[in-house]
Amino acid sequence: MKRLATVLLATLLLAGPASFQWAIATDGETATDGETDVTGAGDGIFPTGETLNGVSLSGSQLGIGVIVYADGSAIGTFQSLLLGTSLLGTPQNISINGEVTAGTANADGSVTFGGTAALDMGDGTLPASGIPFSVTVTSAGALTLVIGATTLATQTLSAGSVTIE
């Protein structure tokens, strides 16, 4: 129950201030065998030249609250606000709100999880729902996001942190 509360807290904090300058971690409770907890919040930076559907991306604000089980199932949420600029040079932020349903703890210590997401391109059109996504994240702060058929370049955290336990 405490892990689920941590997942929910991470989700709720995403609705708060626009900039996360701190980390979310579990309360010291150890994960049971076969269970991996991933929590975190932070600001990510994309390499120069990254785009999604014509929007030039510079960074992101993200939050993760996920529990991955040994059988490949998972619960939790992933939320990210991709900070971008439209083709016209105006700010255009893309919102991704994902429900996590599957995941795996990888041999290298990273975790990959995914499910379906609502994708709001931030251009005034209605958000698209049911978009498949996956995320691979390391405790060192590297995050690779796949949304639909597009794999974005690996982001590095400039603020915040990710905890994998």
C-alpha atoms as a PDB file:
ATOM      1  CA  MET A   1       0.000   0.000   0.000  1.00  0.00           C
ATOM      2  CA  LYS A   2       2.884   2.371   0.772  1.00  0.00           C
ATOM      3  CA  ARG A   3       4.341   1.820  -2.722  1.00  0.00           C
ATOM      4  CA  LEU A   4       0.979   2.573  -4.311  1.00  0.00           C
ATOM      5  CA  ALA A   5       0.769   5.744  -2.223  1.00  0.00           C
ATOM      6  CA  THR A   6       4.224   6.716  -3.533  1.00  0.00           C
ATOM      7  CA  VAL A   7       3.050   6.132  -7.115  1.00  0.00           C
ATOM      8  CA  LEU A   8      -0.032   8.276  -6.522  1.00  0.00           C
ATOM      9  CA  LEU A   9       2.011  11.021  -4.848  1.00  0.00           C
ATOM     10  CA  ALA A  10       4.363  11.178  -7.845  1.00  0.00           C
ATOM     11  CA  THR A  11       1.350  11.524 -10.128  1.00  0.00           C
ATOM     12  CA  LEU A  12      -0.253  14.257  -8.058  1.00  0.00           C
ATOM     13  CA  LEU A  13       2.945  16.259  -7.895  1.00  0.00           C
ATOM     14  CA  LEU A  14       2.960  16.496 -11.679  1.00  0.00           C
ATOM     15  CA  ALA A  15      -0.123  18.673 -11.473  1.00  0.00           C
ATOM     16  CA  GLY A  16       1.816  21.140  -9.303  1.00  0.00           C
ATOM     17  CA  PRO A  17       4.414  23.801 -10.186  1.00  0.00           C
ATOM     18  CA  ALA A  18       5.876  23.907 -13.666  1.00  0.00           C
ATOM     19  CA  SER A  19       9.453  23.161 -12.579  1.00  0.00           C
ATOM     20  CA  PHE A  20      10.547  20.190 -10.496  1.00  0.00           C
ATOM     21  CA  GLN A  21      13.816  20.844  -8.711  1.00  0.00           C
ATOM     22  CA  TRP A  22      13.684  17.916  -6.286  1.00  0.00           C
ATOM     23  CA  ALA A  23      13.406  14.163  -6.280  1.00  0.00           C
ATOM     24  CA  ILE A  24      10.701  11.809  -5.129  1.00  0.00           C
ATOM     25  CA  ALA A  25      11.856   8.607  -3.491  1.00  0.00           C
ATOM     26  CA  THR A  26      10.234   5.795  -1.610  1.00  0.00           C
ATOM     27  CA  ASP A  27      10.027   5.874   2.176  1.00  0.00           C
ATOM     28  CA  GLY A  28      12.864   3.396   2.668  1.00  0.00           C
ATOM     29  CA  GLU A  29      10.615   0.364   2.364  1.00  0.00           C
ATOM     30  CA  THR A  30      12.375  -2.369   0.435  1.00  0.00           C
ATOM     31  CA  ALA A  31      10.776  -3.943  -2.590  1.00  0.00           C
ATOM     32  CA  THR A  32       9.693  -7.560  -2.371  1.00  0.00           C
ATOM     33  CA  ASP A  33      11.361 -10.204  -4.525  1.00  0.00           C
ATOM     34  CA  GLY A  34      10.477  -9.772  -8.159  1.00  0.00           C
ATOM     35  CA  GLU A  35       9.197  -6.233  -7.756  1.00  0.00           C
ATOM     36  CA  THR A  36      10.952  -3.075  -8.955  1.00  0.00           C
ATOM     37  CA  ASP A  37       9.821   0.413  -7.958  1.00  0.00           C
ATOM     38  CA  VAL A  38      10.633   3.371 -10.199  1.00  0.00           C
ATOM     39  CA  THR A  39       9.893   6.860  -8.905  1.00  0.00           C
ATOM     40  CA  GLY A  40      11.146  10.252  -9.873  1.00  0.00           C
ATOM     41  CA  ALA A  41      10.599  13.736 -11.131  1.00  0.00           C
ATOM     42  CA  GLY A  42      12.833  16.127 -12.947  1.00  0.00           C
ATOM     43  CA  ASP A  43      13.755  18.292 -15.884  1.00  0.00           C
ATOM     44  CA  GLY A  44      15.257  16.591 -18.935  1.00  0.00           C
ATOM     45  CA  ILE A  45      17.392  17.976 -21.761  1.00  0.00           C
ATOM     46  CA  PHE A  46      17.213  16.708 -25.354  1.00  0.00           C
ATOM     47  CA  PRO A  47      20.192  16.796 -27.698  1.00  0.00           C
ATOM     48  CA  THR A  48      20.052  19.637 -30.227  1.00  0.00           C
ATOM     49  CA  GLY A  49      17.910  18.869 -33.271  1.00  0.00           C
ATOM     50  CA  GLU A  50      15.352  16.544 -31.660  1.00  0.00           C
ATOM     51  CA  THR A  51      11.805  16.869 -33.040  1.00  0.00           C
ATOM     52  CA  LEU A  52       8.385  15.248 -32.660  1.00  0.00           C
ATOM     53  CA  ASN A  53       5.823  15.779 -35.439  1.00  0.00           C
ATOM     54  CA  GLY A  54       7.619  18.928 -36.615  1.00  0.00           C
ATOM     55  CA  VAL A  55       7.983  20.451 -33.131  1.00  0.00           C
ATOM     56  CA  SER A  56      11.585  21.186 -32.164  1.00  0.00           C
ATOM     57  CA  LEU A  57      12.198  19.825 -28.647  1.00  0.00           C
ATOM     58  CA  SER A  58      14.607  21.353 -26.139  1.00  0.00           C
ATOM     59  CA  GLY A  59      13.700  19.613 -22.899  1.00  0.00           C
ATOM     60  CA  SER A  60      11.012  18.114 -20.723  1.00  0.00           C
ATOM     61  CA  GLN A  61       9.456  18.015 -17.299  1.00  0.00           C
ATOM     62  CA  LEU A  62       8.599  14.514 -16.192  1.00  0.00           C
ATOM     63  CA  GLY A  63       7.247  12.382 -13.405  1.00  0.00           C
ATOM     64  CA  ILE A  64       7.348   8.638 -12.894  1.00  0.00           C
ATOM     65  CA  GLY A  65       5.542   6.428 -10.410  1.00  0.00           C
ATOM     66  CA  VAL A  66       5.723   2.781 -11.484  1.00  0.00           C
ATOM     67  CA  ILE A  67       5.849  -0.683  -9.927  1.00  0.00           C
ATOM     68  CA  VAL A  68       7.141  -3.438 -12.241  1.00  0.00           C
ATOM     69  CA  TYR A  69       6.504  -7.083 -11.351  1.00  0.00           C
ATOM     70  CA  ALA A  70       8.597 -10.127 -12.289  1.00  0.00           C
ATOM     71  CA  ASP A  71       5.787 -11.510 -14.481  1.00  0.00           C
ATOM     72  CA  GLY A  72       6.094  -8.498 -16.839  1.00  0.00           C
ATOM     73  CA  SER A  73       3.033  -6.667 -15.547  1.00  0.00           C
ATOM     74  CA  ALA A  74       3.262  -3.182 -14.070  1.00  0.00           C
ATOM     75  CA  ILE A  75       1.102  -0.439 -12.595  1.00  0.00           C
ATOM     76  CA  GLY A  76       1.621   3.284 -12.396  1.00  0.00           C
ATOM     77  CA  THR A  77       1.849   6.431 -14.425  1.00  0.00           C
ATOM     78  CA  PHE A  78       4.319   8.309 -16.568  1.00  0.00           C
ATOM     79  CA  GLN A  79       3.784  11.952 -17.363  1.00  0.00           C
ATOM     80  CA  SER A  80       5.924  14.262 -19.430  1.00  0.00           C
ATOM     81  CA  LEU A  81       5.639  17.774 -20.763  1.00  0.00           C
ATOM     82  CA  LEU A  82       7.921  18.048 -23.800  1.00  0.00           C
ATOM     83  CA  LEU A  83       9.131  21.635 -24.132  1.00  0.00           C
ATOM     84  CA  GLY A  84       9.195  22.676 -27.756  1.00  0.00           C
ATOM     85  CA  THR A  85       9.005  25.320 -30.435  1.00  0.00           C
ATOM     86  CA  SER A  86       6.617  25.190 -33.394  1.00  0.00           C
ATOM     87  CA  LEU A  87       7.653  25.641 -37.020  1.00  0.00           C
ATOM     88  CA  LEU A  88       6.525  29.282 -36.636  1.00  0.00           C
ATOM     89  CA  GLY A  89       8.958  29.829 -33.754  1.00  0.00           C
ATOM     90  CA  THR A  90       6.333  29.989 -30.981  1.00  0.00           C
ATOM     91  CA  PRO A  91       6.412  27.859 -27.824  1.00  0.00           C
ATOM     92  CA  GLN A  92       4.557  24.553 -28.232  1.00  0.00           C
ATOM     93  CA  ASN A  93       4.576  22.077 -25.370  1.00  0.00           C
ATOM     94  CA  ILE A  94       3.493  18.484 -25.899  1.00  0.00           C
ATOM     95  CA  SER A  95       1.808  16.626 -23.029  1.00  0.00           C
ATOM     96  CA  ILE A  96       2.075  12.847 -22.571  1.00  0.00           C
ATOM     97  CA  ASN A  97      -0.010  11.189 -19.855  1.00  0.00           C
ATOM     98  CA  GLY A  98       0.649   7.462 -19.792  1.00  0.00           C
ATOM     99  CA  GLU A  99      -0.911   4.552 -17.934  1.00  0.00           C
ATOM    100  CA  VAL A 100       1.708   1.864 -17.367  1.00  0.00           C
ATOM    101  CA  THR A 101       0.621  -1.761 -17.800  1.00  0.00           C
ATOM    102  CA  ALA A 102       3.833  -3.689 -18.560  1.00  0.00           C
ATOM    103  CA  GLY A 103       7.499  -3.519 -17.711  1.00  0.00           C
ATOM    104  CA  THR A 104      10.775  -5.271 -17.083  1.00  0.00           C
ATOM    105  CA  ALA A 105      13.855  -4.755 -14.934  1.00  0.00           C
ATOM    106  CA  ASN A 106      16.827  -5.038 -17.302  1.00  0.00           C
ATOM    107  CA  ALA A 107      20.134  -6.797 -16.565  1.00  0.00           C
ATOM    108  CA  ASP A 108      22.040  -3.475 -16.793  1.00  0.00           C
ATOM    109  CA  GLY A 109      20.001  -1.965 -13.925  1.00  0.00           C
ATOM    110  CA  SER A 110      17.718   0.084 -16.146  1.00  0.00           C
ATOM    111  CA  VAL A 111      13.953  -0.422 -16.249  1.00  0.00           C
ATOM    112  CA  THR A 112      11.707  -0.440 -19.328  1.00  0.00           C
ATOM    113  CA  PHE A 113       7.983   0.111 -18.922  1.00  0.00           C
ATOM    114  CA  GLY A 114       5.089   1.070 -21.153  1.00  0.00           C
ATOM    115  CA  GLY A 115       1.400   1.117 -21.861  1.00  0.00           C
ATOM    116  CA  THR A 116      -0.927   3.587 -23.541  1.00  0.00           C
ATOM    117  CA  ALA A 117      -0.971   7.361 -23.316  1.00  0.00           C
ATOM    118  CA  ALA A 118      -2.950  10.448 -24.131  1.00  0.00           C
ATOM    119  CA  LEU A 119      -0.887  12.696 -26.419  1.00  0.00           C
ATOM    120  CA  ASP A 120      -1.722  16.403 -26.576  1.00  0.00           C
ATOM    121  CA  MET A 121       0.369  18.132 -29.235  1.00  0.00           C
ATOM    122  CA  GLY A 122      -0.277  21.535 -27.639  1.00  0.00           C
ATOM    123  CA  ASP A 123      -1.529  23.016 -30.911  1.00  0.00           C
ATOM    124  CA  GLY A 124      -5.219  23.337 -30.078  1.00  0.00           C
ATOM    125  CA  THR A 125      -6.268  19.980 -31.505  1.00  0.00           C
ATOM    126  CA  LEU A 126      -7.932  17.389 -29.305  1.00  0.00           C
ATOM    127  CA  PRO A 127      -5.559  14.994 -27.522  1.00  0.00           C
ATOM    128  CA  ALA A 128      -5.133  11.564 -29.090  1.00  0.00           C
ATOM    129  CA  SER A 129      -5.732   8.652 -26.720  1.00  0.00           C
ATOM    130  CA  GLY A 130      -4.590   5.037 -26.745  1.00  0.00           C
ATOM    131  CA  ILE A 131      -1.145   5.875 -28.133  1.00  0.00           C
ATOM    132  CA  PRO A 132       1.385   3.138 -27.266  1.00  0.00           C
ATOM    133  CA  PHE A 133       4.486   4.320 -25.424  1.00  0.00           C
ATOM    134  CA  SER A 134       7.511   2.896 -23.675  1.00  0.00           C
ATOM    135  CA  VAL A 135      10.242   4.372 -21.515  1.00  0.00           C
ATOM    136  CA  THR A 136      13.679   3.046 -20.620  1.00  0.00           C
ATOM    137  CA  VAL A 137      15.172   4.795 -17.616  1.00  0.00           C
ATOM    138  CA  THR A 138      18.351   4.498 -15.553  1.00  0.00           C
ATOM    139  CA  SER A 139      19.042   5.626 -12.008  1.00  0.00           C
ATOM    140  CA  ALA A 140      21.776   7.850 -13.485  1.00  0.00           C
ATOM    141  CA  GLY A 141      19.075   9.985 -15.098  1.00  0.00           C
ATOM    142  CA  ALA A 142      19.058   8.816 -18.720  1.00  0.00           C
ATOM    143  CA  LEU A 143      15.589   8.392 -20.217  1.00  0.00           C
ATOM    144  CA  THR A 144      14.559   7.175 -23.670  1.00  0.00           C
ATOM    145  CA  LEU A 145      10.915   7.664 -24.684  1.00  0.00           C
ATOM    146  CA  VAL A 146       9.146   5.897 -27.533  1.00  0.00           C
ATOM    147  CA  ILE A 147       5.763   7.429 -28.385  1.00  0.00           C
ATOM    148  CA  GLY A 148       3.813   5.683 -31.123  1.00  0.00           C
ATOM    149  CA  ALA A 149       6.378   4.712 -33.764  1.00  0.00           C
ATOM    150  CA  THR A 150       8.803   7.529 -32.839  1.00  0.00           C
ATOM    151  CA  THR A 151      11.848   6.924 -30.670  1.00  0.00           C
ATOM    152  CA  LEU A 152      13.110  10.187 -29.213  1.00  0.00           C
ATOM    153  CA  ALA A 153      16.785  10.768 -28.453  1.00  0.00           C
ATOM    154  CA  THR A 154      17.869   9.889 -24.924  1.00  0.00           C
ATOM    155  CA  GLN A 155      17.289  12.713 -22.458  1.00  0.00           C
ATOM    156  CA  THR A 156      19.519  13.435 -19.482  1.00  0.00           C
ATOM    157  CA  LEU A 157      18.183  14.967 -16.289  1.00  0.00           C
ATOM    158  CA  SER A 158      19.341  18.492 -15.521  1.00  0.00           C
ATOM    159  CA  ALA A 159      17.384  18.595 -12.251  1.00  0.00           C
ATOM    160  CA  GLY A 160      15.653  16.011 -10.099  1.00  0.00           C
ATOM    161  CA  SER A 161      16.366  12.300 -10.022  1.00  0.00           C
ATOM    162  CA  VAL A 162      15.029   8.817 -10.649  1.00  0.00           C
ATOM    163  CA  THR A 163      15.100   6.085  -8.023  1.00  0.00           C
ATOM    164  CA  ILE A 164      15.052   2.411  -9.011  1.00  0.00           C
ATOM    165  CA  GLU A 165      14.742  -0.117  -6.201  1.00  0.00           C
END
